[in-house]
Amino acid sequence: MNRCEGGMTSGSHVDGAVRVLPNAVKTARRRFLHALSLVADECDGGEPGFTLLLLLIGLGMQELLARLPFLTRALEWAGVAFLLYVATLE
């Protein structure tokens, strides 16, 4: 069959592009899932931390911090110490 009859020959460039497209989609999907797994590893502690923060604020920690301002300063220094500890892990 030739192009004049309305068909495509099996060796045409369009046929090759159709075969390459699924491979490109598979590669993009694989790279996306890999990147997502790397991000998920880095963000595992965020959700429980924010949930705990909201729970503590809801249970009255904001009032406690307003009445005891030195506690705010102690929490700030505890945060600094934690960040320094995390920085020395690797």
N, C-alpha and C. Protein backbone atom coordinates (compact mmCIF):
# COMPACT_ATOMS: atom_id res chain seq x y z
N MET A 1 0.85 -1.17 0.00
CA MET A 1 0.00 0.00 0.00
C MET A 1 0.89 1.23 0.00
N ASN A 2 0.57 2.20 -0.78
CA ASN A 2 1.36 3.42 -0.80
C ASN A 2 0.54 4.61 -0.29
N ARG A 3 1.17 5.75 -0.15
CA ARG A 3 0.51 6.91 0.44
C ARG A 3 -0.62 7.43 -0.43
N CYS A 4 -0.56 7.25 -1.70
CA CYS A 4 -1.60 7.74 -2.59
C CYS A 4 -2.92 7.03 -2.36
N GLU A 5 -2.89 5.83 -1.83
CA GLU A 5 -4.12 5.07 -1.59
C GLU A 5 -4.73 5.41 -0.23
N GLY A 6 -4.12 6.33 0.54
CA GLY A 6 -4.70 6.75 1.80
C GLY A 6 -4.16 6.02 3.02
N GLY A 7 -3.27 5.08 2.83
CA GLY A 7 -2.73 4.35 3.97
C GLY A 7 -1.32 4.81 4.29
N MET A 8 -0.84 4.39 5.43
CA MET A 8 0.53 4.69 5.83
C MET A 8 1.35 3.42 5.74
N THR A 9 2.53 3.56 5.29
CA THR A 9 3.41 2.40 5.22
C THR A 9 3.97 2.14 6.62
N SER A 10 4.35 0.92 6.88
CA SER A 10 4.81 0.56 8.22
C SER A 10 6.14 1.22 8.59
N GLY A 11 6.88 1.68 7.63
CA GLY A 11 8.17 2.30 7.91
C GLY A 11 8.09 3.82 8.01
N SER A 12 6.92 4.40 8.07
CA SER A 12 6.81 5.85 8.09
C SER A 12 7.22 6.43 9.43
N HIS A 13 7.54 7.71 9.45
CA HIS A 13 7.98 8.36 10.68
C HIS A 13 6.84 8.50 11.68
N VAL A 14 5.61 8.55 11.25
CA VAL A 14 4.48 8.67 12.18
C VAL A 14 4.35 7.39 13.00
N ASP A 15 4.53 6.25 12.39
CA ASP A 15 4.45 4.98 13.10
C ASP A 15 5.52 4.90 14.18
N GLY A 16 6.71 5.39 13.89
CA GLY A 16 7.78 5.41 14.89
C GLY A 16 7.47 6.33 16.04
N ALA A 17 6.84 7.47 15.77
CA ALA A 17 6.48 8.41 16.83
C ALA A 17 5.43 7.81 17.75
N VAL A 18 4.54 7.03 17.21
CA VAL A 18 3.51 6.40 18.03
C VAL A 18 4.13 5.38 18.98
N ARG A 19 5.17 4.69 18.54
CA ARG A 19 5.83 3.73 19.42
C ARG A 19 6.67 4.42 20.48
N VAL A 20 7.22 5.59 20.21
CA VAL A 20 8.07 6.30 21.16
C VAL A 20 7.23 6.96 22.25
N LEU A 21 6.03 7.40 21.93
CA LEU A 21 5.19 8.12 22.88
C LEU A 21 4.92 7.33 24.16
N PRO A 22 4.50 6.06 24.11
CA PRO A 22 4.28 5.34 25.37
C PRO A 22 5.55 5.22 26.22
N ASN A 23 6.71 5.07 25.58
CA ASN A 23 7.96 5.01 26.33
C ASN A 23 8.25 6.33 27.02
N ALA A 24 7.98 7.44 26.36
CA ALA A 24 8.20 8.75 26.96
C ALA A 24 7.25 8.96 28.13
N VAL A 25 6.02 8.53 28.01
CA VAL A 25 5.05 8.66 29.09
C VAL A 25 5.47 7.80 30.28
N LYS A 26 5.92 6.59 30.01
CA LYS A 26 6.38 5.71 31.09
C LYS A 26 7.58 6.31 31.82
N THR A 27 8.51 6.88 31.05
CA THR A 27 9.69 7.48 31.65
C THR A 27 9.31 8.69 32.49
N ALA A 28 8.44 9.54 31.97
CA ALA A 28 8.00 10.72 32.73
C ALA A 28 7.28 10.31 34.00
N ARG A 29 6.44 9.30 33.92
CA ARG A 29 5.71 8.81 35.09
C ARG A 29 6.69 8.27 36.14
N ARG A 30 7.67 7.50 35.70
CA ARG A 30 8.65 6.93 36.61
C ARG A 30 9.45 8.03 37.31
N ARG A 31 9.86 9.05 36.56
CA ARG A 31 10.61 10.16 37.15
C ARG A 31 9.75 10.96 38.12
N PHE A 32 8.48 11.17 37.77
CA PHE A 32 7.58 11.90 38.66
C PHE A 32 7.38 11.15 39.96
N LEU A 33 7.15 9.84 39.90
CA LEU A 33 6.95 9.05 41.11
C LEU A 33 8.21 9.00 41.96
N HIS A 34 9.37 8.96 41.33
CA HIS A 34 10.62 8.98 42.08
C HIS A 34 10.78 10.31 42.82
N ALA A 35 10.52 11.43 42.13
CA ALA A 35 10.62 12.74 42.76
C ALA A 35 9.61 12.88 43.89
N LEU A 36 8.42 12.35 43.69
CA LEU A 36 7.39 12.40 44.73
C LEU A 36 7.81 11.61 45.95
N SER A 37 8.46 10.48 45.75
CA SER A 37 8.92 9.68 46.90
C SER A 37 10.02 10.41 47.66
N LEU A 38 10.87 11.15 46.97
CA LEU A 38 11.91 11.93 47.65
C LEU A 38 11.31 13.04 48.48
N VAL A 39 10.30 13.71 47.94
CA VAL A 39 9.63 14.78 48.67
C VAL A 39 8.88 14.22 49.87
N ALA A 40 8.23 13.09 49.70
CA ALA A 40 7.47 12.48 50.80
C ALA A 40 8.41 12.11 51.94
N ASP A 41 9.60 11.64 51.63
CA ASP A 41 10.56 11.30 52.67
C ASP A 41 10.95 12.53 53.48
N GLU A 42 11.06 13.67 52.83
CA GLU A 42 11.47 14.90 53.50
C GLU A 42 10.35 15.52 54.31
N CYS A 43 9.10 15.25 53.96
CA CYS A 43 7.96 15.93 54.59
C CYS A 43 7.20 15.05 55.57
N ASP A 44 7.72 13.89 55.90
CA ASP A 44 6.99 12.98 56.79
C ASP A 44 6.66 13.59 58.14
N GLY A 45 7.54 14.40 58.72
CA GLY A 45 7.31 14.95 60.04
C GLY A 45 6.45 16.20 60.06
N GLY A 46 6.19 16.79 58.93
CA GLY A 46 5.44 18.03 58.88
C GLY A 46 4.00 17.90 59.31
N GLU A 47 3.32 16.92 58.79
CA GLU A 47 1.90 16.78 59.10
C GLU A 47 1.64 16.49 60.58
N PRO A 48 2.32 15.55 61.21
CA PRO A 48 2.08 15.34 62.64
C PRO A 48 2.45 16.56 63.48
N GLY A 49 3.51 17.27 63.07
CA GLY A 49 3.92 18.47 63.81
C GLY A 49 2.87 19.56 63.76
N PHE A 50 2.31 19.83 62.59
CA PHE A 50 1.28 20.85 62.48
C PHE A 50 0.01 20.42 63.20
N THR A 51 -0.31 19.13 63.15
CA THR A 51 -1.48 18.64 63.87
C THR A 51 -1.31 18.83 65.37
N LEU A 52 -0.13 18.51 65.88
CA LEU A 52 0.14 18.71 67.30
C LEU A 52 0.07 20.19 67.67
N LEU A 53 0.62 21.05 66.83
CA LEU A 53 0.56 22.48 67.08
C LEU A 53 -0.88 22.97 67.17
N LEU A 54 -1.72 22.59 66.23
CA LEU A 54 -3.13 23.00 66.26
C LEU A 54 -3.84 22.45 67.49
N LEU A 55 -3.53 21.22 67.86
CA LEU A 55 -4.14 20.61 69.05
C LEU A 55 -3.75 21.38 70.31
N LEU A 56 -2.46 21.69 70.44
CA LEU A 56 -2.00 22.41 71.63
C LEU A 56 -2.58 23.82 71.71
N ILE A 57 -2.65 24.51 70.58
CA ILE A 57 -3.24 25.85 70.57
C ILE A 57 -4.72 25.75 70.94
N GLY A 58 -5.41 24.74 70.41
CA GLY A 58 -6.82 24.55 70.73
C GLY A 58 -7.05 24.21 72.19
N LEU A 59 -6.08 23.56 72.83
CA LEU A 59 -6.23 23.19 74.23
C LEU A 59 -5.79 24.30 75.19
N GLY A 60 -5.40 25.47 74.66
CA GLY A 60 -5.10 26.59 75.53
C GLY A 60 -3.65 26.98 75.65
N MET A 61 -2.80 26.47 74.82
CA MET A 61 -1.39 26.83 74.94
C MET A 61 -1.16 28.31 74.65
N GLN A 62 -1.97 28.92 73.81
CA GLN A 62 -1.83 30.34 73.51
C GLN A 62 -2.02 31.17 74.79
N GLU A 63 -3.00 30.82 75.59
CA GLU A 63 -3.23 31.51 76.86
C GLU A 63 -2.06 31.30 77.81
N LEU A 64 -1.56 30.09 77.85
CA LEU A 64 -0.41 29.78 78.71
C LEU A 64 0.82 30.59 78.31
N LEU A 65 1.06 30.69 77.00
CA LEU A 65 2.21 31.48 76.52
C LEU A 65 2.02 32.97 76.79
N ALA A 66 0.78 33.46 76.76
CA ALA A 66 0.53 34.87 77.05
C ALA A 66 0.78 35.16 78.53
N ARG A 67 0.47 34.22 79.40
CA ARG A 67 0.65 34.43 80.84
C ARG A 67 2.10 34.19 81.29
N LEU A 68 2.81 33.34 80.60
CA LEU A 68 4.19 33.00 80.97
C LEU A 68 5.14 33.30 79.80
N PRO A 69 5.53 34.56 79.62
CA PRO A 69 6.35 34.91 78.44
C PRO A 69 7.72 34.23 78.41
N PHE A 70 8.26 33.84 79.56
CA PHE A 70 9.56 33.16 79.56
C PHE A 70 9.46 31.79 78.88
N LEU A 71 8.26 31.22 78.88
CA LEU A 71 8.06 29.92 78.23
C LEU A 71 8.23 30.05 76.71
N THR A 72 7.82 31.19 76.17
CA THR A 72 8.01 31.43 74.73
C THR A 72 9.50 31.45 74.39
N ARG A 73 10.27 32.14 75.22
CA ARG A 73 11.72 32.22 74.99
C ARG A 73 12.34 30.83 75.11
N ALA A 74 11.89 30.03 76.08
CA ALA A 74 12.42 28.67 76.25
C ALA A 74 12.10 27.80 75.04
N LEU A 75 10.89 27.94 74.48
CA LEU A 75 10.53 27.19 73.28
C LEU A 75 11.36 27.62 72.08
N GLU A 76 11.66 28.91 71.98
CA GLU A 76 12.50 29.39 70.89
C GLU A 76 13.89 28.75 70.96
N TRP A 77 14.48 28.72 72.16
CA TRP A 77 15.82 28.14 72.32
C TRP A 77 15.79 26.62 72.12
N ALA A 78 14.69 26.00 72.50
CA ALA A 78 14.56 24.55 72.25
C ALA A 78 14.52 24.30 70.74
N GLY A 79 13.86 25.18 70.00
CA GLY A 79 13.83 25.07 68.54
C GLY A 79 15.20 25.24 67.93
N VAL A 80 15.97 26.20 68.45
CA VAL A 80 17.34 26.41 67.97
C VAL A 80 18.18 25.16 68.23
N ALA A 81 18.05 24.62 69.44
CA ALA A 81 18.82 23.42 69.78
C ALA A 81 18.45 22.25 68.89
N PHE A 82 17.16 22.11 68.59
CA PHE A 82 16.72 21.02 67.72
C PHE A 82 17.29 21.20 66.31
N LEU A 83 17.26 22.42 65.78
CA LEU A 83 17.81 22.66 64.44
C LEU A 83 19.30 22.37 64.39
N LEU A 84 20.02 22.73 65.44
CA LEU A 84 21.46 22.42 65.47
C LEU A 84 21.69 20.92 65.54
N TYR A 85 20.86 20.23 66.28
CA TYR A 85 20.96 18.76 66.36
C TYR A 85 20.72 18.14 64.98
N VAL A 86 19.67 18.59 64.30
CA VAL A 86 19.36 18.04 62.97
C VAL A 86 20.49 18.35 62.00
N ALA A 87 21.10 19.52 62.13
CA ALA A 87 22.19 19.90 61.21
C ALA A 87 23.41 19.00 61.39
N THR A 88 23.57 18.40 62.55
CA THR A 88 24.74 17.57 62.78
C THR A 88 24.50 16.09 62.47
N LEU A 89 23.31 15.73 62.04
CA LEU A 89 23.00 14.31 61.79
C LEU A 89 23.82 13.74 60.64
N GLU A 90 24.08 14.49 59.61
CA GLU A 90 24.83 13.93 58.47
C GLU A 90 26.07 14.70 58.20
